[in-house]
PDB file of N, CA and C in Angstrom:
ATOM      1  N   UNK A   1       0.840 -15.919 190.455  1.00  0.00           N
ATOM      2  CA  UNK A   1       0.668 -14.433 190.938  1.00  0.00           C
ATOM      3  C   UNK A   1       1.452 -13.422 189.778  1.00  0.00           C
ATOM      4  N   UNK A   2       1.099 -12.349 189.681  1.00  0.00           N
ATOM      5  CA  UNK A   2       1.536 -11.478 188.647  1.00  0.00           C
ATOM      6  C   UNK A   2       0.763 -11.403 187.527  1.00  0.00           C
ATOM      7  N   UNK A   3      -0.312 -11.800 187.514  1.00  0.00           N
ATOM      8  CA  UNK A   3      -1.292 -11.839 186.323  1.00  0.00           C
ATOM      9  C   UNK A   3      -1.855 -10.559 186.346  1.00  0.00           C
ATOM     10  N   UNK A   4      -2.353 -10.132 185.173  1.00  0.00           N
ATOM     11  CA  UNK A   4      -2.767  -8.739 185.090  1.00  0.00           C
ATOM     12  C   UNK A   4      -4.495  -9.097 185.153  1.00  0.00           C
ATOM     13  N   UNK A   5      -5.000 -10.269 184.787  1.00  0.00           N
ATOM     14  CA  UNK A   5      -6.394 -10.603 184.998  1.00  0.00           C
ATOM     15  C   UNK A   5      -6.659 -11.982 185.411  1.00  0.00           C
ATOM     16  N   UNK A   6      -7.658 -12.287 186.046  1.00  0.00           N
ATOM     17  CA  UNK A   6      -8.013 -13.641 186.621  1.00  0.00           C
ATOM     18  C   UNK A   6      -7.751 -14.526 185.433  1.00  0.00           C
ATOM     19  N   UNK A   7      -7.269 -15.970 185.810  1.00  0.00           N
ATOM     20  CA  UNK A   7      -6.961 -16.847 185.086  1.00  0.00           C
ATOM     21  C   UNK A   7      -8.196 -17.930 185.016  1.00  0.00           C
ATOM     22  N   UNK A   8      -8.986 -17.863 184.028  1.00  0.00           N
ATOM     23  CA  UNK A   8     -10.512 -18.693 183.882  1.00  0.00           C
ATOM     24  C   UNK A   8      -9.934 -20.237 184.013  1.00  0.00           C
ATOM     25  N   UNK A   9      -8.815 -20.724 183.835  1.00  0.00           N
ATOM     26  CA  UNK A   9      -8.469 -22.016 183.945  1.00  0.00           C
ATOM     27  C   UNK A   9      -8.383 -22.482 185.444  1.00  0.00           C
ATOM     28  N   UNK A  10      -8.167 -21.517 186.430  1.00  0.00           N
ATOM     29  CA  UNK A  10      -7.814 -22.003 187.752  1.00  0.00           C
ATOM     30  C   UNK A  10      -9.093 -22.407 188.479  1.00  0.00           C
ATOM     31  N   UNK A  11      -9.157 -23.456 189.279  1.00  0.00           N
ATOM     32  CA  UNK A  11     -10.326 -23.706 189.798  1.00  0.00           C
ATOM     33  C   UNK A  11     -10.497 -22.772 191.127  1.00  0.00           C
ATOM     34  N   UNK A  12     -11.809 -22.216 191.102  1.00  0.00           N
ATOM     35  CA  UNK A  12     -11.884 -21.054 192.163  1.00  0.00           C
ATOM     36  C   UNK A  12     -11.944 -21.693 193.499  1.00  0.00           C
ATOM     37  N   UNK A  13     -12.163 -22.912 193.777  1.00  0.00           N
ATOM     38  CA  UNK A  13     -12.252 -23.394 195.035  1.00  0.00           C
ATOM     39  C   UNK A  13     -10.851 -23.826 195.607  1.00  0.00           C
ATOM     40  N   UNK A  14     -10.006 -23.415 195.034  1.00  0.00           N
ATOM     41  CA  UNK A  14      -8.639 -23.805 195.646  1.00  0.00           C
ATOM     42  C   UNK A  14      -8.167 -22.578 196.767  1.00  0.00           C
ATOM     43  N   UNK A  15      -7.696 -23.160 197.748  1.00  0.00           N
ATOM     44  CA  UNK A  15      -7.521 -22.533 199.036  1.00  0.00           C
ATOM     45  C   UNK A  15      -6.559 -21.213 198.683  1.00  0.00           C
ATOM     46  N   UNK A  16      -5.514 -21.161 198.026  1.00  0.00           N
ATOM     47  CA  UNK A  16      -4.591 -20.202 197.939  1.00  0.00           C
ATOM     48  C   UNK A  16      -5.219 -19.153 197.067  1.00  0.00           C
ATOM     49  N   UNK A  17      -6.006 -19.706 195.958  1.00  0.00           N
ATOM     50  CA  UNK A  17      -6.783 -18.487 195.390  1.00  0.00           C
ATOM     51  C   UNK A  17      -7.747 -17.854 196.367  1.00  0.00           C
ATOM     52  N   UNK A  18      -8.515 -18.580 197.011  1.00  0.00           N
ATOM     53  CA  UNK A  18      -9.439 -18.026 197.970  1.00  0.00           C
ATOM     54  C   UNK A  18      -8.512 -16.983 198.808  1.00  0.00           C
ATOM     55  N   UNK A  19      -7.468 -17.321 199.413  1.00  0.00           N
ATOM     56  CA  UNK A  19      -6.746 -16.509 200.301  1.00  0.00           C
ATOM     57  C   UNK A  19      -6.405 -15.202 199.693  1.00  0.00           C
ATOM     58  N   UNK A  20      -5.962 -15.247 198.500  1.00  0.00           N
ATOM     59  CA  UNK A  20      -5.638 -14.286 197.620  1.00  0.00           C
ATOM     60  C   UNK A  20      -6.780 -13.144 197.455  1.00  0.00           C
ATOM     61  N   UNK A  21      -7.852 -13.740 197.165  1.00  0.00           N
ATOM     62  CA  UNK A  21      -9.178 -13.154 196.817  1.00  0.00           C
ATOM     63  C   UNK A  21      -9.410 -12.281 198.279  1.00  0.00           C
ATOM     64  N   UNK A  22      -9.555 -13.036 199.336  1.00  0.00           N
ATOM     65  CA  UNK A  22     -10.007 -12.513 200.643  1.00  0.00           C
ATOM     66  C   UNK A  22      -9.098 -11.438 200.858  1.00  0.00           C
ATOM     67  N   UNK A  23      -7.828 -11.572 200.864  1.00  0.00           N
ATOM     68  CA  UNK A  23      -6.778 -10.429 201.103  1.00  0.00           C
ATOM     69  C   UNK A  23      -7.008  -9.283 200.335  1.00  0.00           C
ATOM     70  N   UNK A  24      -7.298  -9.379 198.837  1.00  0.00           N
ATOM     71  CA  UNK A  24      -7.317  -8.340 198.176  1.00  0.00           C
ATOM     72  C   UNK A  24      -8.806  -7.425 198.420  1.00  0.00           C
ATOM     73  N   UNK A  25      -9.788  -8.183 198.954  1.00  0.00           N
ATOM     74  CA  UNK A  25     -11.013  -7.479 199.176  1.00  0.00           C
ATOM     75  C   UNK A  25     -10.927  -6.941 200.501  1.00  0.00           C
ATOM     76  N   UNK A  26      -9.744  -7.019 201.352  1.00  0.00           N
ATOM     77  CA  UNK A  26      -9.698  -6.287 202.527  1.00  0.00           C
ATOM     78  C   UNK A  26     -10.291  -7.249 203.702  1.00  0.00           C
ATOM     79  N   UNK A  27     -10.400  -8.561 203.730  1.00  0.00           N
ATOM     80  CA  UNK A  27     -11.144  -9.359 204.660  1.00  0.00           C
ATOM     81  C   UNK A  27     -10.197  -9.835 205.611  1.00  0.00           C
ATOM     82  N   UNK A  28      -8.909  -9.806 205.436  1.00  0.00           N
ATOM     83  CA  UNK A  28      -7.818 -10.497 206.252  1.00  0.00           C
ATOM     84  C   UNK A  28      -7.660  -9.805 207.653  1.00  0.00           C
ATOM     85  N   UNK A  29      -7.559 -10.660 208.493  1.00  0.00           N
ATOM     86  CA  UNK A  29      -7.284 -10.527 209.904  1.00  0.00           C
ATOM     87  C   UNK A  29      -6.124 -11.221 210.394  1.00  0.00           C
ATOM     88  N   UNK A  30      -5.521 -10.472 211.616  1.00  0.00           N
ATOM     89  CA  UNK A  30      -4.364 -11.300 212.215  1.00  0.00           C
ATOM     90  C   UNK A  30      -4.727 -12.554 212.636  1.00  0.00           C
ATOM     91  N   UNK A  31      -3.620 -13.590 212.100  1.00  0.00           N
ATOM     92  CA  UNK A  31      -3.724 -14.926 212.841  1.00  0.00           C
ATOM     93  C   UNK A  31      -3.296 -14.896 214.225  1.00  0.00           C
ATOM     94  N   UNK A  32      -4.140 -15.622 215.095  1.00  0.00           N
ATOM     95  CA  UNK A  32      -3.501 -15.727 216.442  1.00  0.00           C
ATOM     96  C   UNK A  32      -3.943 -17.017 217.018  1.00  0.00           C
ATOM     97  N   UNK A  33      -3.404 -17.332 218.274  1.00  0.00           N
ATOM     98  CA  UNK A  33      -4.067 -18.697 218.786  1.00  0.00           C
ATOM     99  C   UNK A  33      -4.918 -18.343 219.953  1.00  0.00           C
ATOM    100  N   UNK A  34      -5.444 -17.144 219.959  1.00  0.00           N
ATOM    101  CA  UNK A  34      -6.446 -16.690 221.198  1.00  0.00           C
ATOM    102  C   UNK A  34      -7.847 -16.955 220.507  1.00  0.00           C
ATOM    103  N   UNK A  35      -8.343 -17.828 221.354  1.00  0.00           N
ATOM    104  CA  UNK A  35      -9.727 -18.213 220.712  1.00  0.00           C
ATOM    105  C   UNK A  35     -10.940 -17.104 220.595  1.00  0.00           C
ATOM    106  N   UNK A  36     -10.618 -16.053 221.391  1.00  0.00           N
ATOM    107  CA  UNK A  36     -11.681 -14.939 221.568  1.00  0.00           C
ATOM    108  C   UNK A  36     -11.428 -14.261 220.394  1.00  0.00           C
ATOM    109  N   UNK A  37     -10.311 -14.092 219.697  1.00  0.00           N
ATOM    110  CA  UNK A  37     -10.257 -13.421 218.138  1.00  0.00           C
ATOM    111  C   UNK A  37     -11.043 -13.968 217.038  1.00  0.00           C
ATOM    112  N   UNK A  38     -11.664 -15.204 217.196  1.00  0.00           N
ATOM    113  CA  UNK A  38     -12.302 -15.934 216.082  1.00  0.00           C
ATOM    114  C   UNK A  38     -13.893 -16.003 216.477  1.00  0.00           C
ATOM    115  N   UNK A  39     -14.776 -15.307 215.344  1.00  0.00           N
ATOM    116  CA  UNK A  39     -15.961 -15.291 215.538  1.00  0.00           C
ATOM    117  C   UNK A  39     -16.762 -15.960 214.688  1.00  0.00           C
ATOM    118  N   UNK A  40     -18.128 -16.411 215.060  1.00  0.00           N
ATOM    119  CA  UNK A  40     -18.690 -17.396 213.995  1.00  0.00           C
ATOM    120  C   UNK A  40     -18.844 -16.762 212.661  1.00  0.00           C
ATOM    121  N   UNK A  41     -18.514 -17.712 211.575  1.00  0.00           N
ATOM    122  CA  UNK A  41     -18.570 -17.289 210.234  1.00  0.00           C
ATOM    123  C   UNK A  41     -17.231 -16.828 209.790  1.00  0.00           C
ATOM    124  N   UNK A  42     -16.193 -16.713 210.667  1.00  0.00           N
ATOM    125  CA  UNK A  42     -14.963 -16.433 210.218  1.00  0.00           C
ATOM    126  C   UNK A  42     -14.588 -17.552 209.488  1.00  0.00           C
ATOM    127  N   UNK A  43     -13.657 -17.077 208.304  1.00  0.00           N
ATOM    128  CA  UNK A  43     -13.065 -18.061 207.622  1.00  0.00           C
ATOM    129  C   UNK A  43     -11.391 -18.442 207.980  1.00  0.00           C
ATOM    130  N   UNK A  44     -11.061 -19.475 208.195  1.00  0.00           N
ATOM    131  CA  UNK A  44      -9.782 -19.658 208.597  1.00  0.00           C
ATOM    132  C   UNK A  44      -9.258 -20.820 207.626  1.00  0.00           C
ATOM    133  N   UNK A  45      -7.783 -20.548 207.251  1.00  0.00           N
ATOM    134  CA  UNK A  45      -6.990 -21.388 206.298  1.00  0.00           C
ATOM    135  C   UNK A  45      -5.883 -21.922 207.367  1.00  0.00           C
ATOM    136  N   UNK A  46      -5.511 -23.259 206.938  1.00  0.00           N
ATOM    137  CA  UNK A  46      -4.387 -23.766 207.587  1.00  0.00           C
ATOM    138  C   UNK A  46      -3.711 -24.802 206.626  1.00  0.00           C
ATOM    139  N   UNK A  47      -2.467 -25.206 207.176  1.00  0.00           N
ATOM    140  CA  UNK A  47      -1.737 -26.213 206.360  1.00  0.00           C
ATOM    141  C   UNK A  47      -1.633 -27.578 207.024  1.00  0.00           C
ATOM    142  N   UNK A  48      -2.217 -28.760 206.437  1.00  0.00           N
ATOM    143  CA  UNK A  48      -2.238 -29.816 206.860  1.00  0.00           C
ATOM    144  C   UNK A  48      -1.280 -30.835 206.483  1.00  0.00           C
ATOM    145  N   UNK A  49      -0.467 -31.546 207.499  1.00  0.00           N
ATOM    146  CA  UNK A  49       0.656 -32.286 207.115  1.00  0.00           C
ATOM    147  C   UNK A  49       1.818 -31.554 206.532  1.00  0.00           C
ATOM    148  N   UNK A  50       1.855 -30.191 206.712  1.00  0.00           N
ATOM    149  CA  UNK A  50       2.923 -29.394 206.334  1.00  0.00           C
ATOM    150  C   UNK A  50       2.951 -29.012 204.756  1.00  0.00           C
ATOM    151  N   UNK A  51       1.687 -29.607 203.976  1.00  0.00           N
ATOM    152  CA  UNK A  51       1.930 -29.392 202.693  1.00  0.00           C
ATOM    153  C   UNK A  51       0.565 -29.065 201.896  1.00  0.00           C
ATOM    154  N   UNK A  52      -0.645 -29.405 202.652  1.00  0.00           N
ATOM    155  CA  UNK A  52      -1.795 -29.372 202.095  1.00  0.00           C
ATOM    156  C   UNK A  52      -2.705 -28.188 202.417  1.00  0.00           C
ATOM    157  N   UNK A  53      -2.973 -27.182 201.817  1.00  0.00           N
ATOM    158  CA  UNK A  53      -3.910 -25.915 202.101  1.00  0.00           C
ATOM    159  C   UNK A  53      -5.214 -26.556 202.427  1.00  0.00           C
ATOM    160  N   UNK A  54      -5.817 -26.159 203.425  1.00  0.00           N
ATOM    161  CA  UNK A  54      -7.140 -26.315 203.972  1.00  0.00           C
ATOM    162  C   UNK A  54      -7.804 -25.249 204.442  1.00  0.00           C
ATOM    163  N   UNK A  55      -9.251 -25.224 204.326  1.00  0.00           N
ATOM    164  CA  UNK A  55      -9.988 -24.108 204.731  1.00  0.00           C
ATOM    165  C   UNK A  55     -11.217 -24.634 205.597  1.00  0.00           C
ATOM    166  N   UNK A  56     -11.633 -23.654 206.506  1.00  0.00           N
ATOM    167  CA  UNK A  56     -12.602 -24.118 207.547  1.00  0.00           C
ATOM    168  C   UNK A  56     -13.341 -22.813 207.823  1.00  0.00           C
ATOM    169  N   UNK A  57     -14.611 -22.972 208.305  1.00  0.00           N
ATOM    170  CA  UNK A  57     -15.369 -21.855 208.863  1.00  0.00           C
ATOM    171  C   UNK A  57     -15.586 -22.035 210.355  1.00  0.00           C
ATOM    172  N   UNK A  58     -15.494 -20.842 211.046  1.00  0.00           N
ATOM    173  CA  UNK A  58     -15.672 -21.014 212.513  1.00  0.00           C
ATOM    174  C   UNK A  58     -17.081 -21.143 212.780  1.00  0.00           C
ATOM    175  N   UNK A  59     -17.397 -21.940 213.642  1.00  0.00           N
ATOM    176  CA  UNK A  59     -18.663 -22.277 214.054  1.00  0.00           C
ATOM    177  C   UNK A  59     -19.295 -21.481 215.383  1.00  0.00           C
ATOM    178  N   UNK A  60     -20.588 -21.359 215.465  1.00  0.00           N
ATOM    179  CA  UNK A  60     -21.150 -20.673 216.710  1.00  0.00           C
ATOM    180  C   UNK A  60     -20.983 -21.598 218.021  1.00  0.00           C
ATOM    181  N   UNK A  61     -20.701 -22.552 217.889  1.00  0.00           N
ATOM    182  CA  UNK A  61     -20.412 -23.653 218.979  1.00  0.00           C
ATOM    183  C   UNK A  61     -19.070 -23.670 219.520  1.00  0.00           C
ATOM    184  N   UNK A  62     -18.849 -24.137 220.699  1.00  0.00           N
ATOM    185  CA  UNK A  62     -17.487 -23.986 221.502  1.00  0.00           C
ATOM    186  C   UNK A  62     -17.230 -25.321 221.953  1.00  0.00           C
ATOM    187  N   UNK A  63     -15.832 -25.641 222.096  1.00  0.00           N
ATOM    188  CA  UNK A  63     -15.326 -26.927 222.840  1.00  0.00           C
ATOM    189  C   UNK A  63     -15.710 -26.451 224.192  1.00  0.00           C
ATOM    190  N   UNK A  64     -15.568 -27.678 224.956  1.00  0.00           N
ATOM    191  CA  UNK A  64     -15.596 -27.460 226.628  1.00  0.00           C
ATOM    192  C   UNK A  64     -14.689 -26.564 227.112  1.00  0.00           C
ATOM    193  N   UNK A  65     -13.519 -26.612 226.351  1.00  0.00           N
ATOM    194  CA  UNK A  65     -12.514 -25.450 226.700  1.00  0.00           C
ATOM    195  C   UNK A  65     -12.609 -24.066 226.220  1.00  0.00           C
ATOM    196  N   UNK A  66     -13.718 -23.631 225.436  1.00  0.00           N
ATOM    197  CA  UNK A  66     -14.120 -22.524 225.076  1.00  0.00           C
ATOM    198  C   UNK A  66     -13.692 -22.063 223.750  1.00  0.00           C
ATOM    199  N   UNK A  67     -12.987 -22.886 222.980  1.00  0.00           N
ATOM    200  CA  UNK A  67     -12.508 -22.804 221.594  1.00  0.00           C
ATOM    201  C   UNK A  67     -13.582 -22.906 220.786  1.00  0.00           C
ATOM    202  N   UNK A  68     -13.747 -22.117 219.619  1.00  0.00           N
ATOM    203  CA  UNK A  68     -14.806 -22.425 218.756  1.00  0.00           C
ATOM    204  C   UNK A  68     -14.313 -23.538 217.951  1.00  0.00           C
ATOM    205  N   UNK A  69     -15.660 -24.263 217.782  1.00  0.00           N
ATOM    206  CA  UNK A  69     -15.449 -25.345 216.805  1.00  0.00           C
ATOM    207  C   UNK A  69     -15.304 -24.891 215.321  1.00  0.00           C
ATOM    208  N   UNK A  70     -14.674 -25.840 214.374  1.00  0.00           N
ATOM    209  CA  UNK A  70     -14.640 -25.223 212.875  1.00  0.00           C
ATOM    210  C   UNK A  70     -15.239 -26.430 211.985  1.00  0.00           C
ATOM    211  N   UNK A  71     -16.090 -25.861 211.075  1.00  0.00           N
ATOM    212  CA  UNK A  71     -16.781 -26.653 210.154  1.00  0.00           C
ATOM    213  C   UNK A  71     -15.789 -26.913 208.970  1.00  0.00           C
ATOM    214  N   UNK A  72     -15.535 -28.045 208.520  1.00  0.00           N
ATOM    215  CA  UNK A  72     -14.675 -28.355 207.511  1.00  0.00           C
ATOM    216  C   UNK A  72     -14.974 -29.701 206.810  1.00  0.00           C
ATOM    217  N   UNK A  73     -14.137 -29.875 205.496  1.00  0.00           N
ATOM    218  CA  UNK A  73     -14.354 -31.428 204.996  1.00  0.00           C
ATOM    219  C   UNK A  73     -13.007 -31.496 204.764  1.00  0.00           C
ATOM    220  N   UNK A  74     -12.481 -32.892 205.412  1.00  0.00           N
ATOM    221  CA  UNK A  74     -11.015 -33.225 205.081  1.00  0.00           C
ATOM    222  C   UNK A  74     -11.015 -34.327 204.562  1.00  0.00           C
ATOM    223  N   UNK A  75     -12.245 -34.841 204.149  1.00  0.00           N
ATOM    224  CA  UNK A  75     -12.184 -36.192 203.263  1.00  0.00           C
ATOM    225  C   UNK A  75     -13.191 -37.200 203.778  1.00  0.00           C
ATOM    226  N   UNK A  76     -13.941 -36.828 205.166  1.00  0.00           N
ATOM    227  CA  UNK A  76     -14.833 -37.693 205.708  1.00  0.00           C
ATOM    228  C   UNK A  76     -16.186 -37.167 205.587  1.00  0.00           C
ATOM    229  N   UNK A  77     -16.453 -36.089 204.661  1.00  0.00           N
ATOM    230  CA  UNK A  77     -17.753 -35.070 204.608  1.00  0.00           C
ATOM    231  C   UNK A  77     -17.437 -34.168 205.553  1.00  0.00           C
ATOM    232  N   UNK A  78     -18.415 -33.419 205.473  1.00  0.00           N
ATOM    233  CA  UNK A  78     -18.687 -31.941 206.440  1.00  0.00           C
ATOM    234  C   UNK A  78     -18.662 -32.441 207.834  1.00  0.00           C
ATOM    235  N   UNK A  79     -17.647 -31.827 208.604  1.00  0.00           N
ATOM    236  CA  UNK A  79     -17.756 -32.232 210.051  1.00  0.00           C
ATOM    237  C   UNK A  79     -17.629 -30.750 210.884  1.00  0.00           C
ATOM    238  N   UNK A  80     -18.023 -30.805 211.990  1.00  0.00           N
ATOM    239  CA  UNK A  80     -17.971 -29.491 212.866  1.00  0.00           C
ATOM    240  C   UNK A  80     -17.227 -30.330 214.058  1.00  0.00           C
ATOM    241  N   UNK A  81     -15.841 -29.785 214.360  1.00  0.00           N
ATOM    242  CA  UNK A  81     -15.045 -30.317 215.097  1.00  0.00           C
ATOM    243  C   UNK A  81     -14.161 -29.486 215.763  1.00  0.00           C
ATOM    244  N   UNK A  82     -13.257 -29.858 216.992  1.00  0.00           N
ATOM    245  CA  UNK A  82     -12.500 -28.894 217.702  1.00  0.00           C
ATOM    246  C   UNK A  82     -11.133 -29.109 216.994  1.00  0.00           C
ATOM    247  N   UNK A  83     -10.992 -28.271 215.825  1.00  0.00           N
ATOM    248  CA  UNK A  83      -9.848 -28.379 214.992  1.00  0.00           C
ATOM    249  C   UNK A  83      -9.297 -27.088 214.703  1.00  0.00           C
ATOM    250  N   UNK A  84      -9.889 -26.165 215.320  1.00  0.00           N
ATOM    251  CA  UNK A  84      -9.380 -24.573 215.018  1.00  0.00           C
ATOM    252  C   UNK A  84      -7.819 -24.458 214.905  1.00  0.00           C
ATOM    253  N   UNK A  85      -7.354 -25.013 216.173  1.00  0.00           N
ATOM    254  CA  UNK A  85      -5.778 -24.938 216.324  1.00  0.00           C
ATOM    255  C   UNK A  85      -5.077 -26.133 216.155  1.00  0.00           C
ATOM    256  N   UNK A  86      -5.843 -26.988 215.501  1.00  0.00           N
ATOM    257  CA  UNK A  86      -4.968 -28.575 215.275  1.00  0.00           C
ATOM    258  C   UNK A  86      -3.931 -28.325 214.222  1.00  0.00           C
ATOM    259  N   UNK A  87      -4.177 -27.558 213.304  1.00  0.00           N
ATOM    260  CA  UNK A  87      -3.190 -27.403 212.252  1.00  0.00           C
ATOM    261  C   UNK A  87      -2.464 -25.822 212.201  1.00  0.00           C
ATOM    262  N   UNK A  88      -1.194 -25.689 211.654  1.00  0.00           N
ATOM    263  CA  UNK A  88      -0.810 -24.354 211.665  1.00  0.00           C
ATOM    264  C   UNK A  88      -1.610 -23.605 210.922  1.00  0.00           C
ATOM    265  N   UNK A  89      -2.026 -22.452 211.239  1.00  0.00           N
ATOM    266  CA  UNK A  89      -3.027 -21.380 210.587  1.00  0.00           C
ATOM    267  C   UNK A  89      -2.141 -20.612 209.700  1.00  0.00           C
ATOM    268  N   UNK A  90      -2.716 -20.315 208.442  1.00  0.00           N
ATOM    269  CA  UNK A  90      -2.106 -19.494 207.416  1.00  0.00           C
ATOM    270  C   UNK A  90      -3.061 -18.483 207.141  1.00  0.00           C
ATOM    271  N   UNK A  91      -4.170 -18.197 207.582  1.00  0.00           N
ATOM    272  CA  UNK A  91      -5.024 -17.107 207.301  1.00  0.00           C
ATOM    273  C   UNK A  91      -6.081 -17.068 208.099  1.00  0.00           C
ATOM    274  N   UNK A  92      -6.716 -15.736 208.269  1.00  0.00           N
ATOM    275  CA  UNK A  92      -7.910 -15.524 209.122  1.00  0.00           C
ATOM    276  C   UNK A  92      -8.726 -14.549 208.362  1.00  0.00           C
ATOM    277  N   UNK A  93      -9.957 -14.503 207.986  1.00  0.00           N
ATOM    278  CA  UNK A  93     -10.770 -13.679 207.121  1.00  0.00           C
ATOM    279  C   UNK A  93     -12.226 -13.519 207.933  1.00  0.00           C
ATOM    280  N   UNK A  94     -12.709 -12.268 207.698  1.00  0.00           N
ATOM    281  CA  UNK A  94     -13.863 -12.029 207.962  1.00  0.00           C
ATOM    282  C   UNK A  94     -14.592 -11.153 206.842  1.00  0.00           C
ATOM    283  N   UNK A  95     -15.753 -11.720 206.389  1.00  0.00           N
ATOM    284  CA  UNK A  95     -16.466 -10.985 205.489  1.00  0.00           C
ATOM    285  C   UNK A  95     -17.556 -10.301 206.155  1.00  0.00           C
ATOM    286  N   UNK A  96     -17.565  -8.963 206.027  1.00  0.00           N
ATOM    287  CA  UNK A  96     -18.708  -7.908 206.683  1.00  0.00           C
ATOM    288  C   UNK A  96     -20.256  -8.545 206.146  1.00  0.00           C
TER     289      UNK A  96
END
């Protein structure tokens, strides 16, 4: 942080870079554990294992408990799973 211009050498897919971009664009929403706060298409970031940033997209499908499923890839290919609240959330974003 503190750069005056984007660093072309930084991989644009890195979660912290995306978080910064979403926040700067005004897409940030409060993080909560209330399932009703999350809408299909929302982007959620989390910390896996206490140190690995992770990103997920909120699905239009819900678990049997009414929690939105999340679409993500954590190493086994793209999955749609009930993991929205499985990891500590670090960001919630909605792009209009």
